[in-house]
N, C-alpha and C. Protein backbone atom coordinates (compact mmCIF):
# COMPACT_ATOMS: atom_id res chain seq x y z
N MET A 1 78.63 41.99 -75.06
CA MET A 1 77.37 41.37 -75.41
C MET A 1 76.58 41.15 -74.12
N ASP A 2 75.40 41.63 -74.10
CA ASP A 2 74.48 41.45 -72.98
C ASP A 2 73.91 40.03 -73.06
N VAL A 3 73.63 39.42 -71.92
CA VAL A 3 73.08 38.07 -71.88
C VAL A 3 71.82 37.98 -72.74
N GLY A 4 71.03 39.01 -72.77
CA GLY A 4 69.80 39.03 -73.57
C GLY A 4 70.05 39.08 -75.06
N ASP A 5 71.31 39.33 -75.48
CA ASP A 5 71.64 39.41 -76.90
C ASP A 5 71.86 38.05 -77.54
N ILE A 6 71.84 36.97 -76.76
CA ILE A 6 72.09 35.64 -77.31
C ILE A 6 71.00 35.25 -78.30
N TYR A 7 69.77 35.47 -77.95
CA TYR A 7 68.69 35.17 -78.90
C TYR A 7 67.99 36.47 -79.27
N THR A 8 67.79 36.61 -80.58
CA THR A 8 67.16 37.83 -81.10
C THR A 8 65.79 37.53 -81.71
N ARG A 9 65.53 36.28 -81.95
CA ARG A 9 64.32 35.81 -82.63
C ARG A 9 64.33 36.15 -84.12
N GLY A 10 65.40 36.79 -84.58
CA GLY A 10 65.50 37.17 -85.99
C GLY A 10 65.60 35.98 -86.93
N GLY A 11 66.09 34.85 -86.44
CA GLY A 11 66.24 33.67 -87.29
C GLY A 11 65.05 32.74 -87.26
N ASP A 12 64.04 33.09 -86.51
CA ASP A 12 62.88 32.21 -86.36
C ASP A 12 62.13 31.98 -87.67
N THR A 13 62.34 32.83 -88.64
CA THR A 13 61.62 32.70 -89.92
C THR A 13 62.51 32.14 -91.03
N GLY A 14 63.68 31.60 -90.66
CA GLY A 14 64.53 30.98 -91.67
C GLY A 14 65.57 31.89 -92.28
N SER A 15 65.81 33.04 -91.66
CA SER A 15 66.86 33.92 -92.17
C SER A 15 67.84 34.21 -91.03
N THR A 16 68.98 34.74 -91.40
CA THR A 16 70.01 35.06 -90.41
C THR A 16 70.75 36.31 -90.83
N SER A 17 71.46 36.90 -89.90
CA SER A 17 72.22 38.11 -90.19
C SER A 17 73.62 37.75 -90.66
N LEU A 18 74.08 38.45 -91.67
CA LEU A 18 75.47 38.34 -92.12
C LEU A 18 76.32 39.30 -91.30
N PRO A 19 77.63 39.08 -91.27
CA PRO A 19 78.49 39.98 -90.51
C PRO A 19 78.38 41.46 -90.92
N ASN A 20 77.97 41.71 -92.18
CA ASN A 20 77.85 43.10 -92.63
C ASN A 20 76.50 43.72 -92.27
N GLY A 21 75.64 42.95 -91.56
CA GLY A 21 74.36 43.48 -91.10
C GLY A 21 73.18 43.14 -91.99
N THR A 22 73.42 42.67 -93.22
CA THR A 22 72.31 42.29 -94.08
C THR A 22 71.78 40.92 -93.66
N ARG A 23 70.62 40.55 -94.18
CA ARG A 23 70.03 39.26 -93.83
C ARG A 23 70.01 38.36 -95.07
N ALA A 24 70.10 37.07 -94.81
CA ALA A 24 70.04 36.09 -95.89
C ALA A 24 69.30 34.86 -95.37
N ARG A 25 68.71 34.11 -96.29
CA ARG A 25 68.06 32.86 -95.90
C ARG A 25 69.12 31.88 -95.40
N LYS A 26 68.74 31.05 -94.45
CA LYS A 26 69.69 30.11 -93.86
C LYS A 26 70.13 29.02 -94.84
N ASP A 27 69.40 28.85 -95.95
CA ASP A 27 69.81 27.88 -96.95
C ASP A 27 70.57 28.53 -98.12
N ASP A 28 70.92 29.79 -97.99
CA ASP A 28 71.72 30.49 -98.99
C ASP A 28 73.12 29.86 -99.05
N PRO A 29 73.69 29.71 -100.25
CA PRO A 29 75.03 29.12 -100.35
C PRO A 29 76.10 29.85 -99.52
N LEU A 30 75.96 31.16 -99.37
CA LEU A 30 76.93 31.90 -98.56
C LEU A 30 76.82 31.50 -97.09
N ILE A 31 75.60 31.32 -96.61
CA ILE A 31 75.40 30.88 -95.23
C ILE A 31 75.93 29.46 -95.06
N GLU A 32 75.72 28.61 -96.07
CA GLU A 32 76.28 27.25 -96.03
C GLU A 32 77.81 27.32 -95.93
N LEU A 33 78.43 28.20 -96.69
CA LEU A 33 79.89 28.36 -96.62
C LEU A 33 80.32 28.82 -95.24
N LEU A 34 79.65 29.83 -94.71
CA LEU A 34 80.01 30.32 -93.37
C LEU A 34 79.86 29.21 -92.32
N GLY A 35 78.81 28.42 -92.43
CA GLY A 35 78.62 27.30 -91.51
C GLY A 35 79.68 26.23 -91.67
N ALA A 36 80.06 25.96 -92.91
CA ALA A 36 81.11 24.95 -93.16
C ALA A 36 82.46 25.43 -92.63
N LEU A 37 82.75 26.72 -92.77
CA LEU A 37 83.99 27.27 -92.21
C LEU A 37 83.98 27.17 -90.69
N ASP A 38 82.84 27.45 -90.08
CA ASP A 38 82.71 27.34 -88.63
C ASP A 38 82.89 25.89 -88.18
N GLU A 39 82.26 24.97 -88.92
CA GLU A 39 82.39 23.55 -88.59
C GLU A 39 83.85 23.09 -88.73
N ALA A 40 84.52 23.50 -89.80
CA ALA A 40 85.92 23.12 -89.99
C ALA A 40 86.79 23.69 -88.88
N ASN A 41 86.53 24.94 -88.50
CA ASN A 41 87.31 25.56 -87.43
C ASN A 41 87.12 24.79 -86.13
N SER A 42 85.90 24.40 -85.84
CA SER A 42 85.62 23.63 -84.63
C SER A 42 86.30 22.27 -84.67
N ALA A 43 86.29 21.63 -85.83
CA ALA A 43 86.92 20.32 -85.97
C ALA A 43 88.44 20.42 -85.79
N VAL A 44 89.05 21.47 -86.32
CA VAL A 44 90.49 21.67 -86.11
C VAL A 44 90.74 21.87 -84.62
N GLY A 45 89.90 22.67 -83.98
CA GLY A 45 90.04 22.88 -82.54
C GLY A 45 89.86 21.60 -81.75
N PHE A 46 89.00 20.70 -82.21
CA PHE A 46 88.78 19.41 -81.55
C PHE A 46 90.04 18.54 -81.63
N ALA A 47 90.81 18.69 -82.68
CA ALA A 47 92.03 17.90 -82.85
C ALA A 47 93.18 18.40 -81.97
N ARG A 48 93.21 19.66 -81.68
CA ARG A 48 94.38 20.25 -81.02
C ARG A 48 94.69 19.70 -79.62
N PRO A 49 93.72 19.46 -78.75
CA PRO A 49 94.08 19.04 -77.38
C PRO A 49 94.79 17.69 -77.27
N VAL A 50 94.69 16.84 -78.29
CA VAL A 50 95.31 15.52 -78.19
C VAL A 50 96.67 15.45 -78.89
N LEU A 51 97.13 16.55 -79.45
CA LEU A 51 98.43 16.56 -80.14
C LEU A 51 99.55 16.62 -79.12
N ILE A 52 100.66 15.98 -79.46
CA ILE A 52 101.83 16.04 -78.57
C ILE A 52 102.94 16.91 -79.18
N ASP A 53 102.76 17.33 -80.41
CA ASP A 53 103.77 18.15 -81.09
C ASP A 53 103.37 19.62 -80.99
N PRO A 54 104.10 20.43 -80.19
CA PRO A 54 103.70 21.84 -80.03
C PRO A 54 103.79 22.64 -81.33
N ASP A 55 104.72 22.29 -82.23
CA ASP A 55 104.82 22.99 -83.50
C ASP A 55 103.57 22.74 -84.34
N LEU A 56 103.11 21.50 -84.35
CA LEU A 56 101.89 21.18 -85.10
C LEU A 56 100.69 21.91 -84.52
N ASP A 57 100.63 22.03 -83.20
CA ASP A 57 99.55 22.78 -82.57
C ASP A 57 99.57 24.24 -83.04
N THR A 58 100.75 24.81 -83.16
CA THR A 58 100.89 26.19 -83.66
C THR A 58 100.36 26.30 -85.09
N VAL A 59 100.66 25.31 -85.91
CA VAL A 59 100.17 25.30 -87.30
C VAL A 59 98.65 25.24 -87.32
N LEU A 60 98.08 24.38 -86.47
CA LEU A 60 96.62 24.26 -86.45
C LEU A 60 95.96 25.53 -85.94
N GLU A 61 96.59 26.18 -84.98
CA GLU A 61 96.03 27.46 -84.52
C GLU A 61 96.06 28.48 -85.66
N PHE A 62 97.15 28.52 -86.42
CA PHE A 62 97.24 29.40 -87.59
C PHE A 62 96.09 29.12 -88.56
N ILE A 63 95.84 27.83 -88.83
CA ILE A 63 94.75 27.46 -89.72
C ILE A 63 93.42 27.96 -89.17
N GLN A 64 93.20 27.78 -87.86
CA GLN A 64 91.95 28.26 -87.25
C GLN A 64 91.81 29.77 -87.40
N GLN A 65 92.87 30.50 -87.13
CA GLN A 65 92.81 31.96 -87.24
C GLN A 65 92.44 32.37 -88.67
N ARG A 66 93.06 31.73 -89.66
CA ARG A 66 92.78 32.09 -91.05
C ARG A 66 91.40 31.62 -91.50
N LEU A 67 90.92 30.51 -90.96
CA LEU A 67 89.55 30.10 -91.29
C LEU A 67 88.56 31.15 -90.79
N PHE A 68 88.84 31.71 -89.63
CA PHE A 68 87.98 32.79 -89.12
C PHE A 68 88.08 33.99 -90.05
N ASN A 69 89.30 34.32 -90.49
CA ASN A 69 89.47 35.42 -91.45
C ASN A 69 88.65 35.17 -92.71
N CYS A 70 88.65 33.94 -93.20
CA CYS A 70 87.85 33.61 -94.39
C CYS A 70 86.38 33.93 -94.16
N GLY A 71 85.86 33.51 -93.00
CA GLY A 71 84.46 33.76 -92.70
C GLY A 71 84.14 35.23 -92.62
N VAL A 72 85.01 35.99 -91.97
CA VAL A 72 84.80 37.43 -91.85
C VAL A 72 84.84 38.07 -93.24
N SER A 73 85.79 37.63 -94.05
CA SER A 73 85.96 38.20 -95.38
C SER A 73 84.78 37.89 -96.30
N VAL A 74 84.37 36.62 -96.39
CA VAL A 74 83.27 36.29 -97.30
C VAL A 74 81.93 36.77 -96.77
N GLY A 75 81.82 36.94 -95.45
CA GLY A 75 80.58 37.44 -94.87
C GLY A 75 80.42 38.94 -94.97
N GLY A 76 81.46 39.63 -95.43
CA GLY A 76 81.39 41.07 -95.66
C GLY A 76 81.41 41.90 -94.39
N ALA A 77 82.04 41.40 -93.33
CA ALA A 77 82.11 42.17 -92.09
C ALA A 77 82.93 43.43 -92.30
N LYS A 78 82.50 44.49 -91.63
CA LYS A 78 83.23 45.75 -91.70
C LYS A 78 84.12 45.83 -90.47
N SER A 79 85.42 45.91 -90.72
CA SER A 79 86.38 45.94 -89.62
C SER A 79 87.62 46.68 -90.07
N SER A 80 88.29 47.31 -89.12
CA SER A 80 89.55 47.98 -89.46
C SER A 80 90.71 46.99 -89.41
N ALA A 81 90.47 45.79 -88.87
CA ALA A 81 91.52 44.77 -88.79
C ALA A 81 91.74 44.15 -90.16
N PRO A 82 92.98 43.76 -90.45
CA PRO A 82 93.22 43.08 -91.73
C PRO A 82 92.44 41.77 -91.79
N GLN A 83 91.87 41.50 -92.94
CA GLN A 83 91.05 40.30 -93.10
C GLN A 83 91.48 39.55 -94.34
N GLY A 84 90.90 38.42 -94.50
CA GLY A 84 91.14 37.64 -95.70
C GLY A 84 92.38 36.78 -95.58
N ILE A 85 92.76 36.26 -96.71
CA ILE A 85 93.89 35.35 -96.81
C ILE A 85 94.84 35.91 -97.87
N SER A 86 96.11 35.89 -97.57
CA SER A 86 97.10 36.40 -98.52
C SER A 86 97.85 35.25 -99.18
N SER A 87 98.53 35.58 -100.25
CA SER A 87 99.36 34.56 -100.91
C SER A 87 100.49 34.12 -99.97
N GLU A 88 100.90 34.99 -99.05
CA GLU A 88 101.92 34.61 -98.06
C GLU A 88 101.38 33.55 -97.11
N ASP A 89 100.08 33.62 -96.78
CA ASP A 89 99.47 32.59 -95.94
C ASP A 89 99.51 31.23 -96.64
N VAL A 90 99.20 31.23 -97.93
CA VAL A 90 99.22 29.99 -98.71
C VAL A 90 100.64 29.45 -98.79
N ALA A 91 101.60 30.33 -99.06
CA ALA A 91 103.00 29.90 -99.14
C ALA A 91 103.49 29.34 -97.81
N ALA A 92 103.07 29.94 -96.71
CA ALA A 92 103.47 29.45 -95.39
C ALA A 92 102.94 28.03 -95.18
N LEU A 93 101.70 27.79 -95.58
CA LEU A 93 101.14 26.44 -95.44
C LEU A 93 101.89 25.45 -96.32
N GLU A 94 102.26 25.86 -97.52
CA GLU A 94 103.00 24.96 -98.41
C GLU A 94 104.34 24.55 -97.78
N ARG A 95 105.02 25.50 -97.15
CA ARG A 95 106.29 25.17 -96.48
C ARG A 95 106.07 24.18 -95.34
N VAL A 96 105.00 24.40 -94.58
CA VAL A 96 104.70 23.50 -93.45
C VAL A 96 104.32 22.11 -93.97
N ILE A 97 103.53 22.05 -95.04
CA ILE A 97 103.15 20.77 -95.63
C ILE A 97 104.41 20.01 -96.03
N ASP A 98 105.31 20.68 -96.73
CA ASP A 98 106.56 20.04 -97.17
C ASP A 98 107.35 19.50 -95.98
N ARG A 99 107.43 20.29 -94.92
CA ARG A 99 108.20 19.88 -93.73
C ARG A 99 107.58 18.65 -93.07
N TYR A 100 106.26 18.67 -92.88
CA TYR A 100 105.61 17.54 -92.22
C TYR A 100 105.52 16.33 -93.14
N ALA A 101 105.37 16.52 -94.43
CA ALA A 101 105.34 15.39 -95.36
C ALA A 101 106.69 14.66 -95.33
N ALA A 102 107.77 15.43 -95.27
CA ALA A 102 109.10 14.80 -95.19
C ALA A 102 109.25 14.02 -93.89
N ARG A 103 108.71 14.55 -92.81
CA ARG A 103 108.81 13.87 -91.52
C ARG A 103 107.91 12.64 -91.46
N ALA A 104 106.78 12.66 -92.18
CA ALA A 104 105.85 11.52 -92.17
C ALA A 104 106.35 10.38 -93.03
N GLY A 105 107.19 10.68 -94.01
CA GLY A 105 107.71 9.65 -94.89
C GLY A 105 106.78 9.37 -96.06
N SER A 106 107.27 8.57 -96.97
CA SER A 106 106.50 8.28 -98.18
C SER A 106 105.40 7.27 -97.88
N PHE A 107 104.40 7.31 -98.71
CA PHE A 107 103.26 6.40 -98.56
C PHE A 107 102.51 6.37 -99.88
N ASP A 108 102.19 5.19 -100.33
CA ASP A 108 101.36 5.08 -101.53
C ASP A 108 100.12 4.27 -101.15
N GLY A 109 99.00 4.83 -101.43
CA GLY A 109 97.74 4.19 -101.07
C GLY A 109 96.83 5.15 -100.34
N PHE A 110 95.81 4.61 -99.74
CA PHE A 110 94.84 5.40 -99.00
C PHE A 110 94.83 4.95 -97.55
N THR A 111 94.46 5.86 -96.68
CA THR A 111 94.39 5.53 -95.26
C THR A 111 92.95 5.60 -94.78
N LEU A 112 92.66 4.82 -93.76
CA LEU A 112 91.36 4.85 -93.11
C LEU A 112 91.54 5.53 -91.76
N PRO A 113 90.69 6.48 -91.41
CA PRO A 113 90.77 7.07 -90.08
C PRO A 113 90.46 6.01 -89.02
N GLY A 114 91.07 6.14 -87.86
CA GLY A 114 90.68 5.29 -86.76
C GLY A 114 91.79 4.55 -86.05
N CYS A 115 93.02 4.64 -86.51
CA CYS A 115 94.09 3.89 -85.85
C CYS A 115 94.56 4.53 -84.55
N ASP A 116 94.37 5.80 -84.40
CA ASP A 116 94.69 6.48 -83.15
C ASP A 116 93.83 7.74 -83.05
N GLU A 117 93.69 8.24 -81.86
CA GLU A 117 92.77 9.36 -81.64
C GLU A 117 93.20 10.63 -82.36
N ALA A 118 94.47 10.98 -82.27
CA ALA A 118 94.93 12.24 -82.87
C ALA A 118 94.72 12.25 -84.38
N SER A 119 95.15 11.18 -85.06
CA SER A 119 94.99 11.17 -86.52
C SER A 119 93.51 11.09 -86.90
N SER A 120 92.71 10.39 -86.11
CA SER A 120 91.26 10.33 -86.40
C SER A 120 90.64 11.72 -86.32
N ARG A 121 91.00 12.47 -85.31
CA ARG A 121 90.46 13.83 -85.18
C ARG A 121 90.94 14.72 -86.33
N LEU A 122 92.19 14.54 -86.74
CA LEU A 122 92.71 15.33 -87.85
C LEU A 122 92.01 14.95 -89.16
N HIS A 123 91.73 13.68 -89.35
CA HIS A 123 90.98 13.27 -90.55
C HIS A 123 89.56 13.85 -90.52
N LEU A 124 88.94 13.88 -89.36
CA LEU A 124 87.62 14.49 -89.24
C LEU A 124 87.68 15.98 -89.61
N ALA A 125 88.70 16.67 -89.12
CA ALA A 125 88.88 18.08 -89.47
C ALA A 125 89.12 18.24 -90.97
N ARG A 126 89.90 17.32 -91.55
CA ARG A 126 90.18 17.38 -92.99
C ARG A 126 88.89 17.26 -93.79
N THR A 127 88.02 16.34 -93.40
CA THR A 127 86.78 16.18 -94.17
C THR A 127 85.86 17.38 -93.99
N ALA A 128 85.85 17.98 -92.81
CA ALA A 128 85.06 19.20 -92.60
C ALA A 128 85.61 20.33 -93.46
N LEU A 129 86.92 20.41 -93.55
CA LEU A 129 87.53 21.46 -94.38
C LEU A 129 87.25 21.23 -95.85
N ARG A 130 87.23 19.97 -96.27
CA ARG A 130 86.88 19.68 -97.67
C ARG A 130 85.44 20.13 -97.96
N ARG A 131 84.53 19.97 -96.99
CA ARG A 131 83.16 20.45 -97.18
C ARG A 131 83.17 21.97 -97.36
N ALA A 132 83.98 22.66 -96.57
CA ALA A 132 84.08 24.12 -96.70
C ALA A 132 84.62 24.49 -98.08
N GLU A 133 85.57 23.71 -98.58
CA GLU A 133 86.09 23.94 -99.94
C GLU A 133 84.99 23.82 -100.98
N ARG A 134 84.17 22.78 -100.85
CA ARG A 134 83.08 22.59 -101.81
C ARG A 134 82.07 23.73 -101.72
N ALA A 135 81.77 24.16 -100.50
CA ALA A 135 80.85 25.29 -100.33
C ALA A 135 81.45 26.56 -100.91
N ALA A 136 82.75 26.75 -100.75
CA ALA A 136 83.42 27.93 -101.32
C ALA A 136 83.36 27.89 -102.85
N ALA A 137 83.54 26.71 -103.43
CA ALA A 137 83.47 26.59 -104.89
C ALA A 137 82.07 26.93 -105.39
N THR A 138 81.05 26.55 -104.65
CA THR A 138 79.67 26.88 -105.02
C THR A 138 79.46 28.38 -105.00
N VAL A 139 79.89 29.03 -103.93
CA VAL A 139 79.74 30.49 -103.84
C VAL A 139 80.57 31.17 -104.92
N ASP A 140 81.79 30.70 -105.12
CA ASP A 140 82.70 31.30 -106.10
C ASP A 140 82.14 31.26 -107.52
N ALA A 141 81.33 30.26 -107.81
CA ALA A 141 80.75 30.14 -109.15
C ALA A 141 79.82 31.31 -109.48
N SER A 142 79.19 31.91 -108.46
CA SER A 142 78.28 33.02 -108.74
C SER A 142 78.77 34.36 -108.19
N ALA A 143 79.63 34.32 -107.21
CA ALA A 143 80.19 35.55 -106.63
C ALA A 143 81.65 35.27 -106.30
N PRO A 144 82.55 35.58 -107.25
CA PRO A 144 83.95 35.19 -107.09
C PRO A 144 84.55 35.59 -105.74
N LEU A 145 85.23 34.61 -105.15
CA LEU A 145 85.96 34.81 -103.90
C LEU A 145 87.42 35.08 -104.21
N GLU A 146 88.16 35.50 -103.20
CA GLU A 146 89.59 35.72 -103.37
C GLU A 146 90.25 34.39 -103.75
N ALA A 147 91.06 34.41 -104.79
CA ALA A 147 91.75 33.19 -105.22
C ALA A 147 92.63 32.64 -104.11
N SER A 148 93.23 33.52 -103.33
CA SER A 148 94.10 33.05 -102.25
C SER A 148 93.29 32.34 -101.16
N ALA A 149 92.05 32.73 -100.95
CA ALA A 149 91.21 32.04 -99.96
C ALA A 149 90.89 30.62 -100.43
N LEU A 150 90.56 30.47 -101.70
CA LEU A 150 90.29 29.14 -102.25
C LEU A 150 91.54 28.27 -102.16
N ALA A 151 92.70 28.83 -102.50
CA ALA A 151 93.96 28.07 -102.42
C ALA A 151 94.27 27.71 -100.98
N PHE A 152 94.01 28.62 -100.05
CA PHE A 152 94.29 28.36 -98.64
C PHE A 152 93.44 27.18 -98.14
N LEU A 153 92.17 27.16 -98.48
CA LEU A 153 91.31 26.06 -98.03
C LEU A 153 91.83 24.73 -98.56
N ASN A 154 92.27 24.73 -99.81
CA ASN A 154 92.80 23.50 -100.39
C ASN A 154 94.08 23.07 -99.68
N ARG A 155 94.99 24.00 -99.44
CA ARG A 155 96.25 23.67 -98.76
C ARG A 155 96.01 23.27 -97.31
N ALA A 156 95.06 23.93 -96.66
CA ALA A 156 94.79 23.60 -95.26
C ALA A 156 94.28 22.16 -95.13
N SER A 157 93.43 21.72 -96.06
CA SER A 157 92.97 20.33 -95.99
C SER A 157 94.11 19.37 -96.31
N ASP A 158 94.99 19.77 -97.23
CA ASP A 158 96.19 18.96 -97.50
C ASP A 158 97.05 18.86 -96.24
N MET A 159 97.20 19.98 -95.53
CA MET A 159 98.00 19.99 -94.31
C MET A 159 97.40 19.06 -93.27
N LEU A 160 96.09 19.04 -93.16
CA LEU A 160 95.45 18.17 -92.17
C LEU A 160 95.67 16.70 -92.51
N TYR A 161 95.68 16.36 -93.79
CA TYR A 161 95.99 14.99 -94.20
C TYR A 161 97.42 14.63 -93.80
N VAL A 162 98.35 15.51 -94.12
CA VAL A 162 99.76 15.26 -93.78
C VAL A 162 99.93 15.19 -92.26
N ALA A 163 99.23 16.05 -91.54
CA ALA A 163 99.32 16.04 -90.08
C ALA A 163 98.79 14.72 -89.52
N ALA A 164 97.71 14.20 -90.10
CA ALA A 164 97.17 12.92 -89.65
C ALA A 164 98.19 11.80 -89.88
N ARG A 165 98.84 11.83 -91.03
CA ARG A 165 99.88 10.83 -91.30
C ARG A 165 101.04 10.99 -90.34
N PHE A 166 101.45 12.21 -90.09
CA PHE A 166 102.56 12.48 -89.18
C PHE A 166 102.25 11.98 -87.77
N THR A 167 101.05 12.26 -87.28
CA THR A 167 100.73 11.85 -85.91
C THR A 167 100.58 10.33 -85.80
N SER A 168 100.29 9.66 -86.90
CA SER A 168 100.21 8.20 -86.88
C SER A 168 101.59 7.55 -86.84
N ALA A 169 102.61 8.36 -87.08
CA ALA A 169 104.00 7.88 -87.04
C ALA A 169 104.22 6.65 -87.92
N GLY A 170 103.61 6.66 -89.12
CA GLY A 170 103.80 5.56 -90.05
C GLY A 170 102.93 4.34 -89.76
N ASN A 171 102.04 4.43 -88.80
CA ASN A 171 101.17 3.31 -88.45
C ASN A 171 99.74 3.53 -88.94
N GLU A 172 99.61 4.09 -90.13
CA GLU A 172 98.28 4.36 -90.67
C GLU A 172 97.49 3.07 -90.85
N CYS A 173 96.19 3.22 -90.71
CA CYS A 173 95.30 2.11 -91.09
C CYS A 173 95.21 2.16 -92.60
N ARG A 174 95.75 1.19 -93.23
CA ARG A 174 95.77 1.18 -94.70
C ARG A 174 94.46 0.63 -95.25
N TRP A 175 94.01 1.24 -96.33
CA TRP A 175 92.84 0.74 -97.03
C TRP A 175 93.25 -0.54 -97.75
N ARG A 176 92.46 -1.57 -97.55
CA ARG A 176 92.69 -2.85 -98.22
C ARG A 176 91.42 -3.21 -98.95
N PRO A 177 91.39 -2.99 -100.25
CA PRO A 177 90.16 -3.26 -100.99
C PRO A 177 89.70 -4.72 -100.90
N ASP A 178 90.64 -5.61 -100.58
CA ASP A 178 90.30 -7.02 -100.47
C ASP A 178 90.23 -7.49 -99.02
N ALA A 179 89.96 -6.56 -98.09
CA ALA A 179 89.88 -6.92 -96.69
C ALA A 179 88.88 -8.06 -96.48
N PRO A 180 89.21 -9.01 -95.63
CA PRO A 180 88.30 -10.13 -95.41
C PRO A 180 86.98 -9.70 -94.78
N ARG A 181 85.94 -10.40 -95.11
CA ARG A 181 84.62 -10.14 -94.54
C ARG A 181 84.60 -10.62 -93.10
N PRO A 182 83.88 -9.93 -92.22
CA PRO A 182 83.81 -10.39 -90.82
C PRO A 182 83.00 -11.66 -90.67
């Protein structure tokens, strides 16, 4: 990429290029999905530097790689590289969720982000991924997406919740509906 390729002025009128070369309005649901996937990927990346568990970092990198695959796949990019999400990707996440859920221990109730930096960043990534899920459901309603991609987004957000609980080491900030007023 040449330095002059950073700005093309093509988006100045409210449209942008899709990976397959076609153009779409920036408020198109597909563009919203691509942006939400990018945001989720960035949020997962924001969580990684503060983790102390190298295995969990590997899991988060896997999630980031597959989120990029989702974007390439739904954006219609032409590539000889394998793209998309497979049922094996979903199954791998399910195994990891089970492993980390067992390590985090049981919990009934809701948690509030904010008790420690790592879990707070993971909760932020989880909410960004949930937004990507909602955007994917919107696109899927009019242009069906791969079922495995939708399942992967759901499992990945579940994994981020479990990872946040795991990194809190049982010291979650618990939601207390009757918390005293300040």
